[in-house]
Amino acid sequence: MEKVVCLKTSQSTCLRGLSCVEALEEDTVVTVGNFDGVHLGHKFLLKRVKERGQEKRLKSVALTFYPHPFAVLSPAQAPCELTDVQERSFLILSEGLDTVVFIRFDRKFAQLRAEDFVKEVLFERLRCKHLVVGYDWRFGYRREGEIELAKEMGKELGFEVEEVQPFRVNGHVVSSTLIRRLLHMGRLEEVSVYLGRNYSVRRQVIKGDGRGSSLGFPTANLKGTENLCLREGVYAVRVDGKFIGIANYGKRPTFGGQKKVLEVHLLDFEEDLRGKHIQVEFLKFIRDEKKFNSVEDLIKQIEDDISTVRSFFR
């Protein structure tokens, strides 16, 4: 079985692009959550799952959902995205877990009662023998299920439930909400503290409108970046761990853009990246995006920004 799969249930179909399974093949230790960003708090939880799996000789599994439940149930309240399916899977597996299981979150799945989620999904489909969850875990229709319910059902069905307390850094509970807020403010240094790494995305380079090249600064336009949590503006970045560059995230107001996009200009680089996946690591926020009165003013500002970025990497 592949390490990243989508669980097909009677309440939901599979995510496109992932292998679809009816159930797992071995008994497991399971944790459940959105795991967006896979920050230090998530890593603390995942480490516990890995340890319990090794102790009990069970497969370690992270169950997560896509899209975010709010994106389905209350789109106006849906948070921006720290990681996509592929990024999240890679980060979870990097913590040593055996399998990442996604469930497609849709309105049909949202109707599943808490008791049915425990019995049908966790126990029957995922073959859970030990469940590790965060202190504030809620589940099922309208989040009606609480940890005590899972513990009661675990006693009946034959699995244990372990509750993990919040993970704190500098007195703050580490959460995806905290990291989203810091990214919106451009406070990348603090984000790195709570993630345990620099924030990055890995996306495919797609064909853009060619405007960067016409200005003398060819850019790699990245797919699926309209809902990132980044502050709109200019960044010093590192690409694929070795190339330095400058990135702009926003709507490109000088040209009347309406949709947010991430564009990256690699310095001293001339290869064609179209169609490839690249990792963009955000190191420093340079300035806010702004509308310029003329193309000449924009070009002058880009030249100044590149000088700033080069100075940053010296």
Protein backbone atom coordinates (compact mmCIF):
# COMPACT_ATOMS: atom_id res chain seq x y z
CA MET A 1 0.00 0.00 0.00
CA GLU A 2 1.25 3.48 -0.80
CA LYS A 3 2.13 5.80 2.06
CA VAL A 4 -0.44 8.44 1.07
CA VAL A 5 -3.98 7.25 0.36
CA CYS A 6 -7.54 8.50 0.28
CA LEU A 7 -10.12 6.61 2.34
CA LYS A 8 -13.33 5.91 0.49
CA THR A 9 -16.35 5.85 2.78
CA SER A 10 -20.08 5.63 2.23
CA GLN A 11 -20.16 9.32 3.16
CA SER A 12 -17.48 10.64 0.83
CA THR A 13 -15.66 10.02 -2.44
CA CYS A 14 -11.89 10.00 -2.92
CA LEU A 15 -9.59 12.90 -3.65
CA ARG A 16 -8.43 13.03 -7.23
CA GLY A 17 -4.82 12.02 -7.68
CA LEU A 18 -4.61 9.77 -4.61
CA SER A 19 -4.95 6.00 -4.41
CA CYS A 20 -8.39 5.10 -3.08
CA VAL A 21 -8.78 2.43 -0.38
CA GLU A 22 -11.73 0.94 1.47
CA ALA A 23 -9.72 0.13 4.59
CA LEU A 24 -6.17 -0.29 5.86
CA GLU A 25 -4.58 -3.72 5.94
CA GLU A 26 -2.93 -3.72 9.39
CA ASP A 27 -3.77 -2.59 12.92
CA THR A 28 -2.78 0.97 13.68
CA VAL A 29 -2.01 3.83 16.02
CA VAL A 30 -3.98 6.81 14.66
CA THR A 31 -3.99 10.55 15.16
CA VAL A 32 -6.60 12.86 13.64
CA GLY A 33 -6.38 16.51 12.61
CA ASN A 34 -6.06 19.01 9.80
CA PHE A 35 -2.29 19.29 10.30
CA ASP A 36 -2.11 22.38 8.10
CA GLY A 37 1.47 23.63 8.21
CA VAL A 38 2.77 20.66 10.26
CA HIS A 39 4.18 22.96 12.95
CA LEU A 40 6.01 22.08 16.16
CA GLY A 41 2.75 21.29 17.96
CA HIS A 42 1.82 18.82 15.23
CA LYS A 43 5.33 17.33 15.30
CA PHE A 44 5.05 16.78 19.06
CA LEU A 45 1.81 14.85 18.49
CA LEU A 46 3.20 12.90 15.53
CA LYS A 47 6.26 11.91 17.53
CA ARG A 48 3.99 10.40 20.17
CA VAL A 49 2.13 8.44 17.48
CA LYS A 50 5.38 7.09 16.06
CA GLU A 51 6.59 6.07 19.54
CA ARG A 52 3.32 4.31 20.36
CA GLY A 53 3.46 2.47 17.05
CA GLN A 54 6.95 1.22 17.78
CA GLU A 55 6.04 0.20 21.34
CA LYS A 56 2.89 -1.66 20.32
CA ARG A 57 4.18 -2.92 16.95
CA LEU A 58 1.41 -1.14 15.11
CA LYS A 59 1.45 0.96 11.95
CA SER A 60 1.44 4.70 12.63
CA VAL A 61 -1.23 6.69 10.76
CA ALA A 62 -2.21 10.35 10.49
CA LEU A 63 -5.81 10.90 9.36
CA THR A 64 -6.47 14.30 7.86
CA PHE A 65 -9.02 16.07 5.66
CA TYR A 66 -9.08 18.07 2.45
CA PRO A 67 -10.34 20.67 1.85
CA HIS A 68 -10.54 22.37 5.24
CA PRO A 69 -13.99 21.74 6.77
CA PHE A 70 -14.74 25.48 6.92
CA ALA A 71 -14.20 25.71 3.15
CA VAL A 72 -17.23 23.43 2.78
CA LEU A 73 -19.44 24.40 5.71
CA SER A 74 -18.74 28.13 5.98
CA PRO A 75 -16.63 29.40 3.06
CA ALA A 76 -16.58 32.98 4.35
CA GLN A 77 -14.77 31.75 7.49
CA ALA A 78 -12.41 29.35 5.72
CA PRO A 79 -8.75 29.98 6.60
CA CYS A 80 -6.01 30.54 4.08
CA GLU A 81 -3.86 27.52 3.21
CA LEU A 82 -0.44 26.79 4.69
CA THR A 83 0.10 23.50 2.85
CA ASP A 84 -1.54 21.58 0.04
CA VAL A 85 -2.10 17.81 0.03
CA GLN A 86 1.36 16.96 -1.28
CA GLU A 87 3.23 19.33 1.04
CA ARG A 88 1.30 18.18 4.07
CA SER A 89 1.88 14.50 3.24
CA PHE A 90 5.62 15.01 2.78
CA LEU A 91 5.98 16.85 6.09
CA ILE A 92 3.99 14.25 8.04
CA LEU A 93 5.88 11.33 6.54
CA SER A 94 9.14 13.16 7.30
CA GLU A 95 8.27 12.73 10.99
CA GLY A 96 8.53 8.96 10.56
CA LEU A 97 4.89 7.93 10.25
CA ASP A 98 3.97 4.97 8.08
CA THR A 99 0.87 6.31 6.34
CA VAL A 100 -1.09 9.51 5.71
CA VAL A 101 -4.80 8.97 5.09
CA PHE A 102 -6.93 11.73 3.58
CA ILE A 103 -10.69 11.91 3.65
CA ARG A 104 -12.37 14.19 1.16
CA PHE A 105 -14.37 16.58 3.34
CA ASP A 106 -17.71 17.39 1.70
CA ARG A 107 -21.24 18.06 2.90
CA LYS A 108 -22.10 14.39 2.87
CA PHE A 109 -19.18 13.48 5.11
CA ALA A 110 -20.01 16.44 7.37
CA GLN A 111 -23.31 14.71 8.27
CA LEU A 112 -21.54 11.73 9.83
CA ARG A 113 -22.41 11.42 13.52
CA ALA A 114 -19.63 11.28 16.08
CA GLU A 115 -20.36 7.68 17.11
CA ASP A 116 -20.35 6.54 13.48
CA PHE A 117 -17.04 8.31 12.84
CA VAL A 118 -15.41 6.41 15.69
CA LYS A 119 -16.89 3.03 14.81
CA GLU A 120 -16.95 3.11 11.01
CA VAL A 121 -13.90 5.22 10.20
CA LEU A 122 -11.44 4.86 13.06
CA PHE A 123 -12.21 1.32 14.23
CA GLU A 124 -13.47 -0.53 11.15
CA ARG A 125 -11.68 1.23 8.27
CA LEU A 126 -8.45 2.34 9.92
CA ARG A 127 -8.22 -0.63 12.31
CA CYS A 128 -7.32 1.69 15.18
CA LYS A 129 -5.97 0.04 18.34
CA HIS A 130 -4.58 3.21 19.91
CA LEU A 131 -5.78 6.77 19.28
CA VAL A 132 -3.61 9.82 20.02
CA VAL A 133 -5.35 13.21 19.87
CA GLY A 134 -4.83 16.80 20.96
CA TYR A 135 -6.42 18.22 24.08
CA ASP A 136 -9.07 20.16 22.13
CA TRP A 137 -10.09 17.47 19.63
CA ARG A 138 -13.73 17.50 18.51
CA PHE A 139 -15.28 15.32 15.82
CA GLY A 140 -18.44 14.28 14.01
CA TYR A 141 -21.55 16.18 12.93
CA ARG A 142 -21.39 19.76 14.21
CA ARG A 143 -18.33 18.78 16.27
CA GLU A 144 -20.62 17.00 18.72
CA GLY A 145 -18.02 14.38 19.68
CA GLU A 146 -15.62 14.98 22.55
CA ILE A 147 -12.63 13.02 23.81
CA GLU A 148 -14.67 11.40 26.59
CA LEU A 149 -17.02 9.88 24.02
CA ALA A 150 -14.06 8.42 22.14
CA LYS A 151 -12.69 6.96 25.39
CA GLU A 152 -16.04 5.35 26.23
CA MET A 153 -16.36 3.85 22.77
CA GLY A 154 -12.74 2.75 22.85
CA LYS A 155 -13.42 0.65 25.94
CA GLU A 156 -16.33 -1.02 24.15
CA LEU A 157 -14.54 -1.58 20.84
CA GLY A 158 -11.09 -2.41 22.16
CA PHE A 159 -8.80 0.56 21.57
CA GLU A 160 -7.10 3.08 23.85
CA VAL A 161 -7.38 6.87 23.68
CA GLU A 162 -4.43 9.06 24.64
CA GLU A 163 -4.84 12.81 25.09
CA VAL A 164 -1.85 15.07 24.42
CA GLN A 165 -1.59 18.47 26.08
CA PRO A 166 -0.85 21.68 24.13
CA PHE A 167 2.70 22.34 22.97
CA ARG A 168 4.05 25.75 23.91
CA VAL A 169 6.95 27.86 22.67
CA ASN A 170 7.81 31.15 24.39
CA GLY A 171 4.58 30.87 26.36
CA HIS A 172 2.40 30.58 23.23
CA VAL A 173 0.38 27.52 22.30
CA VAL A 174 1.68 26.61 18.84
CA SER A 175 -1.20 26.49 16.36
CA SER A 176 -1.91 26.88 12.66
CA THR A 177 -3.99 29.95 13.53
CA LEU A 178 -0.96 31.61 15.15
CA ILE A 179 1.24 30.86 12.15
CA ARG A 180 -1.36 32.16 9.69
CA ARG A 181 -1.58 35.41 11.64
CA LEU A 182 2.20 35.86 11.70
CA LEU A 183 2.47 35.17 7.96
CA HIS A 184 -0.21 37.76 7.25
CA MET A 185 1.97 40.22 9.17
CA GLY A 186 5.14 39.27 7.30
CA ARG A 187 6.86 38.12 10.51
CA LEU A 188 8.79 35.27 8.93
CA GLU A 189 11.44 34.98 11.65
CA GLU A 190 8.75 34.21 14.25
CA VAL A 191 7.01 31.82 11.88
CA SER A 192 10.25 29.85 11.62
CA VAL A 193 10.37 29.52 15.42
CA TYR A 194 6.92 27.91 15.59
CA LEU A 195 7.30 25.76 12.48
CA GLY A 196 10.78 24.55 13.37
CA ARG A 197 11.87 25.47 9.83
CA ASN A 198 11.49 28.31 7.33
CA TYR A 199 8.07 28.54 5.73
CA SER A 200 8.04 27.19 2.18
CA VAL A 201 5.75 25.92 -0.55
CA ARG A 202 6.44 23.42 -3.31
CA ARG A 203 4.32 23.99 -6.39
CA GLN A 204 4.39 23.49 -10.15
CA VAL A 205 5.65 26.22 -12.47
CA ILE A 206 3.01 27.15 -15.04
CA LYS A 207 2.83 29.45 -18.04
CA GLY A 208 2.25 33.06 -17.04
CA ASP A 209 1.37 36.10 -19.11
CA GLY A 210 5.02 36.80 -19.96
CA ARG A 211 4.95 40.24 -18.39
CA GLY A 212 8.00 39.60 -16.20
CA SER A 213 10.11 38.74 -19.24
CA SER A 214 8.91 41.84 -21.06
CA LEU A 215 10.10 43.92 -18.11
CA GLY A 216 13.48 42.20 -18.10
CA PHE A 217 12.82 40.07 -15.03
CA PRO A 218 11.48 36.64 -16.11
CA THR A 219 9.44 34.94 -13.41
CA ALA A 220 8.27 31.45 -12.57
CA ASN A 221 4.53 31.56 -11.91
CA LEU A 222 3.42 28.92 -9.41
CA LYS A 223 0.21 26.95 -9.65
CA GLY A 224 -2.43 26.92 -6.91
CA THR A 225 -1.16 29.84 -4.85
CA GLU A 226 -4.22 32.12 -4.77
CA ASN A 227 -5.10 31.15 -1.18
CA LEU A 228 -1.73 31.26 0.57
CA CYS A 229 -1.43 32.96 3.95
CA LEU A 230 1.39 35.23 2.84
CA ARG A 231 1.26 39.00 3.24
CA GLU A 232 0.96 40.54 -0.20
CA GLY A 233 4.35 41.89 -1.13
CA VAL A 234 7.96 41.16 -2.03
CA TYR A 235 10.18 38.53 -0.40
CA ALA A 236 13.76 37.30 -0.39
CA VAL A 237 13.55 33.59 -1.15
CA ARG A 238 15.66 30.51 -1.68
CA VAL A 239 14.58 28.01 -4.35
CA ASP A 240 15.26 24.28 -4.14
CA GLY A 241 17.67 24.94 -1.31
CA LYS A 242 20.40 26.49 -3.49
CA PHE A 243 19.20 29.31 -5.77
CA ILE A 244 18.51 32.80 -4.46
CA GLY A 245 15.62 34.83 -5.72
CA ILE A 246 12.98 37.48 -5.22
CA ALA A 247 9.29 36.67 -5.05
CA ASN A 248 6.15 38.72 -5.34
CA TYR A 249 2.85 37.55 -3.90
CA GLY A 250 -0.27 39.48 -4.78
CA LYS A 251 -2.57 40.74 -7.50
CA ARG A 252 -0.07 42.88 -9.47
CA PRO A 253 -2.15 46.08 -9.11
CA THR A 254 -0.02 48.07 -11.57
CA PHE A 255 -1.49 45.86 -14.31
CA GLY A 256 -5.01 45.57 -12.87
CA GLY A 257 -4.68 41.99 -11.63
CA GLN A 258 -7.62 40.44 -9.78
CA LYS A 259 -6.23 37.11 -8.60
CA LYS A 260 -3.38 36.52 -6.17
CA VAL A 261 -0.39 34.71 -7.63
CA LEU A 262 3.11 33.83 -6.49
CA GLU A 263 5.84 34.81 -8.95
CA VAL A 264 9.53 34.07 -8.42
CA HIS A 265 12.50 35.62 -10.19
CA LEU A 266 15.68 33.62 -9.70
CA LEU A 267 18.85 35.69 -9.70
CA ASP A 268 21.63 34.69 -12.10
CA PHE A 269 19.54 31.83 -13.47
CA GLU A 270 18.48 31.19 -17.06
CA GLU A 271 17.00 27.67 -17.20
CA ASP A 272 13.40 26.97 -18.22
CA LEU A 273 11.44 25.78 -15.18
CA ARG A 274 8.02 25.46 -16.79
CA GLY A 275 6.25 22.24 -15.77
CA LYS A 276 8.68 21.51 -12.95
CA HIS A 277 7.90 21.58 -9.24
CA ILE A 278 10.08 23.94 -7.23
CA GLN A 279 10.33 24.64 -3.52
CA VAL A 280 10.23 28.29 -2.54
CA GLU A 281 11.54 29.08 0.94
CA PHE A 282 10.54 32.49 2.32
CA LEU A 283 13.37 34.13 4.25
CA LYS A 284 12.59 37.85 4.60
CA PHE A 285 9.68 40.17 3.88
CA ILE A 286 11.03 43.13 1.85
CA ARG A 287 8.04 45.42 1.26
CA ASP A 288 4.31 45.56 0.63
CA GLU A 289 2.91 45.22 -2.86
CA LYS A 290 1.91 48.59 -4.34
CA LYS A 291 0.51 50.12 -7.51
CA PHE A 292 3.00 52.16 -9.53
CA ASN A 293 2.19 55.14 -11.70
CA SER A 294 4.25 53.84 -14.60
CA VAL A 295 6.07 50.74 -15.82
CA GLU A 296 9.33 52.68 -15.52
CA ASP A 297 8.67 53.29 -11.82
CA LEU A 298 7.95 49.59 -11.35
CA ILE A 299 11.19 48.56 -13.09
CA LYS A 300 13.20 50.97 -10.91
CA GLN A 301 11.59 49.50 -7.77
CA ILE A 302 12.31 45.93 -8.89
CA GLU A 303 15.96 46.86 -9.42
CA ASP A 304 16.08 48.31 -5.91
CA ASP A 305 14.38 45.19 -4.51
CA ILE A 306 16.93 42.93 -6.19
CA SER A 307 19.74 44.98 -4.67
CA THR A 308 18.10 44.55 -1.26
CA VAL A 309 17.82 40.80 -1.75
CA ARG A 310 21.44 40.47 -2.86
CA SER A 311 22.51 42.37 0.25
CA PHE A 312 20.45 40.02 2.40
CA PHE A 313 22.31 36.98 1.07
CA ARG A 314 25.81 38.46 1.48
